[in-house]
Amino acid sequence: MLLDSASLYFRGFYGVPDTVRAPDGTPVNAVRGFLDIIAKLVTDFGPDELVACWDDDWRPRWRVDLIPSYKAHRVAREVPDGVDVEETPEALVTQVPIIREVLDALGIPVVGAAQHEADDVIGTLATGQAHPVDVVTGDRDLFQLVDDAADVRVIYTARGMSNLETLTESVVVGKYGIRPQQYADFAVMRGDSSDGLPGVAGIGEKTAMTLLTEYGDLDGILAAAADPASSMKAPMRARFEAAADYLKVAPRVVEVVRDLDLPTVDARIHAPDDDRRATLEQLSEKWGLGGSLDRVRQALTTGR
């Protein structure tokens, strides 16, 4: 099971009241919410291995160089030679180091990669595995990883933790009329305002689906647009011609990386040993983690 960590701790932050605080007054709603999410996932899906995938760079420069508007509306402060600061509530910023500390004490490995997003870490770890993989996220971009033959599913959290949606190939087809392998091209054409991707003007989800059904993939669509003998109508050709510069770079931005050189970690789920138990007791007392930490410990011990 691969966790899109930021997606989940943001959900925890907004799903648990900010009145939930540590004894010293530090907000811990995101910490407790994230722990409760992990406890539910491990209990309900029973993974043998668990990895918290991390945004070491939430807005990689190489993606911005290709499309300058990429996530630009979410930048609080640009860092020319480093990672831009994302616009994030201060009450959440203070909790991220606590989350890392608790994950470490629980023995859940955190894996990130320089100049890459958690999506890329997930894409790499989900590729070429000899066993089933569940990707947990609220991000539709990861639908491109769904693969029945490789036994890769997405557990989609957008409708809430009490209404999780398990995406297989047939579910993706039912939702969008396209196969998961076509999803990246679909997203390129449709665009995504939440990521600052303009898409192709005049192309929404229905039109993108129709084009992919007829021509197979973006390359096939562009070939048809360039071929005067194809069945594509002149107004549609004009849309793709106008978006030519965007379409040269957008696929690389939207497609998740699947070949990162990542460290080898022990992701097997197991009960905390004596040293970790002592550390967890200290963290629980310091941060007031109470039942949330108890539930995740119980899940890691017996939930699979």
Protein backbone atom coordinates (compact mmCIF):
# COMPACT_ATOMS: atom_id res chain seq x y z
CA MET A 1 0.00 0.00 0.00
CA LEU A 2 1.42 3.34 -1.15
CA LEU A 3 0.16 6.46 0.63
CA ASP A 4 0.00 9.83 -1.10
CA SER A 5 0.98 11.34 2.23
CA ALA A 6 0.29 15.04 1.63
CA SER A 7 -3.11 14.25 0.16
CA LEU A 8 -3.98 12.31 3.29
CA TYR A 9 -2.61 14.65 5.95
CA PHE A 10 -4.36 17.58 4.27
CA ARG A 11 -7.55 15.53 4.52
CA GLY A 12 -6.81 14.87 8.17
CA PHE A 13 -6.18 18.57 8.80
CA TYR A 14 -9.49 19.66 7.33
CA GLY A 15 -11.43 16.69 8.66
CA VAL A 16 -10.52 17.05 12.34
CA PRO A 17 -11.29 20.28 14.25
CA ASP A 18 -8.30 22.53 14.90
CA THR A 19 -9.35 22.61 18.55
CA VAL A 20 -7.64 19.22 18.86
CA ARG A 21 -4.34 20.22 20.42
CA ALA A 22 -1.35 18.91 22.32
CA PRO A 23 -0.90 19.73 26.03
CA ASP A 24 1.31 22.69 25.05
CA GLY A 25 -1.37 24.07 22.71
CA THR A 26 0.19 22.92 19.44
CA PRO A 27 -2.51 21.85 16.95
CA VAL A 28 -2.38 18.12 16.21
CA ASN A 29 -5.58 17.66 14.19
CA ALA A 30 -3.64 16.71 11.04
CA VAL A 31 -1.46 14.27 12.97
CA ARG A 32 -4.40 12.54 14.60
CA GLY A 33 -6.46 12.62 11.41
CA PHE A 34 -3.63 11.05 9.41
CA LEU A 35 -3.13 8.32 12.01
CA ASP A 36 -6.83 7.49 11.99
CA ILE A 37 -6.74 7.30 8.18
CA ILE A 38 -3.82 4.86 8.30
CA ALA A 39 -5.56 2.75 10.94
CA LYS A 40 -8.69 2.49 8.80
CA LEU A 41 -6.78 1.66 5.62
CA VAL A 42 -4.69 -1.07 7.23
CA THR A 43 -7.74 -2.56 8.93
CA ASP A 44 -9.98 -2.46 5.86
CA PHE A 45 -7.49 -3.49 3.17
CA GLY A 46 -4.94 -5.57 5.07
CA PRO A 47 -1.71 -4.70 3.28
CA ASP A 48 1.48 -6.60 4.11
CA GLU A 49 3.66 -3.58 3.30
CA LEU A 50 3.07 0.14 3.76
CA VAL A 51 5.03 3.14 2.44
CA ALA A 52 4.36 6.84 3.11
CA CYS A 53 5.31 8.49 -0.20
CA TRP A 54 6.50 12.06 0.20
CA ASP A 55 6.66 15.30 -1.78
CA ASP A 56 10.35 16.13 -1.49
CA ASP A 57 9.54 18.73 -4.14
CA TRP A 58 5.86 19.52 -4.60
CA ARG A 59 6.57 21.75 -7.67
CA PRO A 60 9.67 20.39 -9.44
CA ARG A 61 11.58 22.99 -11.42
CA TRP A 62 11.76 20.77 -14.50
CA ARG A 63 7.97 20.65 -14.66
CA VAL A 64 7.75 24.43 -14.15
CA ASP A 65 10.32 24.99 -16.90
CA LEU A 66 8.03 23.08 -19.26
CA ILE A 67 4.79 24.77 -18.12
CA PRO A 68 5.43 27.93 -16.02
CA SER A 69 1.83 28.01 -14.76
CA TYR A 70 2.24 24.59 -13.14
CA LYS A 71 0.88 24.96 -9.58
CA ALA A 72 1.84 28.66 -9.72
CA HIS A 73 -1.31 29.77 -7.90
CA ARG A 74 -0.25 27.70 -4.87
CA VAL A 75 3.18 29.32 -4.43
CA ALA A 76 3.56 31.36 -1.25
CA ARG A 77 7.23 32.19 -1.87
CA GLU A 78 9.57 31.31 -4.70
CA VAL A 79 12.97 29.84 -3.82
CA PRO A 80 15.23 30.27 -6.90
CA ASP A 81 17.71 27.52 -6.03
CA GLY A 82 15.48 25.33 -3.92
CA VAL A 83 11.93 24.12 -3.34
CA ASP A 84 9.24 26.81 -3.61
CA VAL A 85 7.21 27.33 -0.45
CA GLU A 86 3.65 26.11 -0.90
CA GLU A 87 0.73 28.14 0.42
CA THR A 88 -0.18 26.00 3.42
CA PRO A 89 -1.99 26.89 6.66
CA GLU A 90 0.58 27.61 9.35
CA ALA A 91 -1.26 25.28 11.71
CA LEU A 92 -0.57 22.44 9.27
CA VAL A 93 3.05 23.42 8.57
CA THR A 94 3.90 22.98 12.25
CA GLN A 95 2.45 19.46 12.24
CA VAL A 96 4.35 17.98 9.30
CA PRO A 97 7.56 17.34 11.30
CA ILE A 98 5.46 15.68 14.01
CA ILE A 99 3.87 13.41 11.40
CA ARG A 100 7.33 12.42 10.17
CA GLU A 101 8.46 11.71 13.72
CA VAL A 102 5.45 9.52 14.48
CA LEU A 103 5.73 7.59 11.20
CA ASP A 104 9.36 6.85 12.00
CA ALA A 105 8.46 5.62 15.48
CA LEU A 106 5.76 3.39 13.99
CA GLY A 107 8.26 1.88 11.58
CA ILE A 108 6.43 3.16 8.49
CA PRO A 109 9.08 4.19 5.94
CA VAL A 110 8.85 7.63 4.37
CA VAL A 111 10.14 7.69 0.78
CA GLY A 112 10.70 10.80 -1.32
CA ALA A 113 12.96 11.80 -4.18
CA ALA A 114 14.77 15.05 -4.87
CA GLN A 115 13.16 17.19 -7.59
CA HIS A 116 10.14 14.88 -7.71
CA GLU A 117 6.66 14.69 -6.27
CA ALA A 118 5.09 11.89 -4.28
CA ASP A 119 3.21 10.96 -7.48
CA ASP A 120 6.54 10.03 -9.08
CA VAL A 121 7.60 7.99 -6.06
CA ILE A 122 4.27 6.18 -6.18
CA GLY A 123 4.56 5.62 -9.93
CA THR A 124 8.00 4.06 -9.48
CA LEU A 125 7.04 1.87 -6.53
CA ALA A 126 3.83 0.71 -8.24
CA THR A 127 5.66 -0.37 -11.40
CA GLY A 128 7.06 -3.85 -11.90
CA GLN A 129 5.98 -5.29 -8.57
CA ALA A 130 5.43 -9.04 -8.24
CA HIS A 131 2.49 -8.54 -5.88
CA PRO A 132 -0.69 -6.43 -5.78
CA VAL A 133 -0.38 -2.69 -5.12
CA ASP A 134 -2.95 -0.30 -3.68
CA VAL A 135 -2.35 3.43 -4.19
CA VAL A 136 -4.23 5.66 -1.73
CA THR A 137 -4.82 9.21 -2.93
CA GLY A 138 -7.29 12.00 -3.53
CA ASP A 139 -5.47 12.95 -6.76
CA ARG A 140 -7.07 11.89 -10.05
CA ASP A 141 -3.72 12.07 -11.85
CA LEU A 142 -2.80 8.73 -10.33
CA PHE A 143 -5.66 7.00 -12.15
CA GLN A 144 -3.11 6.52 -14.94
CA LEU A 145 -1.46 3.84 -12.77
CA VAL A 146 -4.51 1.56 -12.57
CA ASP A 147 -3.61 -1.74 -14.23
CA ASP A 148 -5.60 -4.95 -13.80
CA ALA A 149 -2.86 -7.11 -15.36
CA ALA A 150 -0.28 -5.78 -12.90
CA ASP A 151 -2.83 -5.83 -10.04
CA VAL A 152 -2.52 -2.09 -9.33
CA ARG A 153 -5.60 -0.33 -7.92
CA VAL A 154 -6.26 3.18 -6.70
CA ILE A 155 -8.13 3.71 -3.43
CA TYR A 156 -9.67 7.13 -4.07
CA THR A 157 -10.44 9.30 -1.04
CA ALA A 158 -12.17 12.30 -2.63
CA ARG A 159 -15.61 11.33 -1.28
CA GLY A 160 -14.31 10.84 2.25
CA MET A 161 -12.85 8.00 4.27
CA SER A 162 -16.29 6.53 4.93
CA ASN A 163 -17.00 6.39 1.21
CA LEU A 164 -13.77 5.16 -0.38
CA GLU A 165 -13.81 4.24 -4.05
CA THR A 166 -11.66 1.37 -5.32
CA LEU A 167 -10.65 1.97 -8.92
CA THR A 168 -9.92 -0.90 -11.28
CA GLU A 169 -9.82 -0.61 -15.06
CA SER A 170 -13.56 -1.18 -15.41
CA VAL A 171 -14.30 1.57 -12.89
CA VAL A 172 -12.12 4.07 -14.77
CA VAL A 173 -13.87 3.13 -18.02
CA GLY A 174 -17.23 3.54 -16.32
CA LYS A 175 -16.35 6.98 -14.96
CA TYR A 176 -14.61 8.48 -17.99
CA GLY A 177 -15.18 6.20 -20.98
CA ILE A 178 -11.42 5.66 -21.38
CA ARG A 179 -8.87 3.11 -20.24
CA PRO A 180 -6.38 4.03 -17.48
CA GLN A 181 -3.58 3.90 -20.07
CA GLN A 182 -5.34 6.79 -21.83
CA TYR A 183 -5.86 8.85 -18.68
CA ALA A 184 -2.70 10.98 -18.92
CA ASP A 185 -3.59 12.03 -22.48
CA PHE A 186 -7.15 12.68 -21.31
CA ALA A 187 -5.85 14.92 -18.49
CA VAL A 188 -3.50 16.77 -20.85
CA MET A 189 -6.37 17.73 -23.16
CA ARG A 190 -8.90 18.47 -20.42
CA GLY A 191 -6.46 20.49 -18.33
CA ASP A 192 -6.65 20.97 -14.58
CA SER A 193 -7.02 24.38 -12.96
CA SER A 194 -5.95 22.98 -9.58
CA ASP A 195 -2.53 22.19 -11.11
CA GLY A 196 -2.35 25.23 -13.38
CA LEU A 197 -2.65 23.15 -16.56
CA PRO A 198 -4.59 25.06 -19.23
CA GLY A 199 -5.53 22.10 -21.40
CA VAL A 200 -6.69 22.49 -24.99
CA ALA A 201 -9.22 25.30 -25.35
CA GLY A 202 -12.68 23.96 -26.07
CA ILE A 203 -11.82 20.37 -25.07
CA GLY A 204 -13.67 19.11 -22.00
CA GLU A 205 -13.97 15.61 -20.61
CA LYS A 206 -16.65 14.43 -23.05
CA THR A 207 -14.78 15.65 -26.13
CA ALA A 208 -11.47 14.26 -24.85
CA MET A 209 -13.13 10.88 -24.32
CA THR A 210 -14.67 10.93 -27.81
CA LEU A 211 -11.33 11.78 -29.42
CA LEU A 212 -9.46 9.07 -27.52
CA THR A 213 -12.12 6.52 -28.42
CA GLU A 214 -11.76 7.38 -32.10
CA TYR A 215 -7.99 7.89 -32.37
CA GLY A 216 -6.56 5.85 -29.49
CA ASP A 217 -4.10 8.26 -27.91
CA LEU A 218 -2.79 11.82 -28.13
CA ASP A 219 -0.30 10.93 -30.85
CA GLY A 220 -3.14 9.51 -32.93
CA ILE A 221 -5.23 12.63 -32.34
CA LEU A 222 -2.38 14.93 -33.35
CA ALA A 223 -1.72 12.84 -36.44
CA ALA A 224 -5.38 13.15 -37.42
CA ALA A 225 -5.29 16.90 -36.80
CA ALA A 226 -2.32 17.21 -39.13
CA ASP A 227 -3.79 14.95 -41.84
CA PRO A 228 -6.12 16.78 -44.25
CA ALA A 229 -7.58 13.42 -45.26
CA SER A 230 -8.64 12.42 -41.72
CA SER A 231 -12.20 12.59 -40.45
CA MET A 232 -11.41 15.38 -37.97
CA LYS A 233 -13.42 18.57 -38.54
CA ALA A 234 -11.67 21.84 -39.30
CA PRO A 235 -12.64 23.62 -36.03
CA MET A 236 -11.18 20.73 -34.02
CA ARG A 237 -7.99 20.81 -36.07
CA ALA A 238 -7.69 24.52 -35.29
CA ARG A 239 -7.92 23.86 -31.54
CA PHE A 240 -5.03 21.46 -31.63
CA GLU A 241 -2.99 23.71 -33.88
CA ALA A 242 -3.47 26.60 -31.44
CA ALA A 243 -2.36 24.36 -28.54
CA ALA A 244 0.68 22.94 -30.34
CA ASP A 245 3.30 24.44 -27.99
CA TYR A 246 1.42 23.27 -24.89
CA LEU A 247 0.96 19.78 -26.30
CA LYS A 248 4.69 19.40 -26.97
CA VAL A 249 5.47 19.59 -23.24
CA ALA A 250 2.29 18.79 -21.31
CA PRO A 251 2.52 14.97 -21.57
CA ARG A 252 5.85 14.98 -19.74
CA VAL A 253 4.39 17.17 -16.99
CA VAL A 254 1.25 15.06 -16.52
CA GLU A 255 2.75 11.58 -16.80
CA VAL A 256 4.10 10.28 -13.50
CA VAL A 257 7.73 9.16 -13.48
CA ARG A 258 8.10 5.42 -13.10
CA ASP A 259 11.84 4.85 -13.05
CA LEU A 260 13.29 6.79 -10.11
CA ASP A 261 16.31 5.39 -8.28
CA LEU A 262 14.78 4.99 -4.84
CA PRO A 263 16.30 3.61 -1.64
CA THR A 264 15.42 0.10 -0.57
CA VAL A 265 13.28 0.15 2.56
CA ASP A 266 11.73 -2.46 4.81
CA ALA A 267 8.03 -1.73 4.33
CA ARG A 268 6.70 -4.84 6.05
CA ILE A 269 3.97 -4.06 8.55
CA HIS A 270 4.79 -5.20 12.06
CA ALA A 271 4.06 -4.34 15.64
CA PRO A 272 6.48 -1.79 17.14
CA ASP A 273 9.35 -3.33 19.10
CA ASP A 274 10.20 -2.35 22.69
CA ASP A 275 12.32 0.65 21.71
CA ARG A 276 9.67 1.96 19.35
CA ARG A 277 6.93 1.38 21.92
CA ALA A 278 8.82 3.52 24.42
CA THR A 279 9.28 6.26 21.84
CA LEU A 280 5.60 6.11 20.88
CA GLU A 281 4.55 6.44 24.51
CA GLN A 282 6.69 9.56 24.81
CA LEU A 283 5.28 11.02 21.60
CA SER A 284 1.73 10.22 22.66
CA GLU A 285 2.19 12.01 25.96
CA LYS A 286 4.02 15.00 24.44
CA TRP A 287 1.56 15.57 21.60
CA GLY A 288 -1.65 14.26 23.12
CA LEU A 289 -2.20 11.65 20.41
CA GLY A 290 -4.44 9.49 22.58
CA GLY A 291 -6.82 7.11 20.82
CA SER A 292 -5.51 7.92 17.35
CA LEU A 293 -2.11 6.46 18.11
CA ASP A 294 -3.67 3.53 19.96
CA ARG A 295 -5.82 2.70 16.94
CA VAL A 296 -2.98 2.79 14.43
CA ARG A 297 -0.77 0.68 16.70
CA GLN A 298 -3.57 -1.85 17.04
CA ALA A 299 -4.09 -1.91 13.28
CA LEU A 300 -0.39 -2.43 12.59
CA THR A 301 -0.36 -5.29 15.10
CA THR A 302 -3.54 -7.15 14.16
CA GLY A 303 -5.24 -5.41 11.24
CA ARG A 304 -3.82 -7.34 8.29
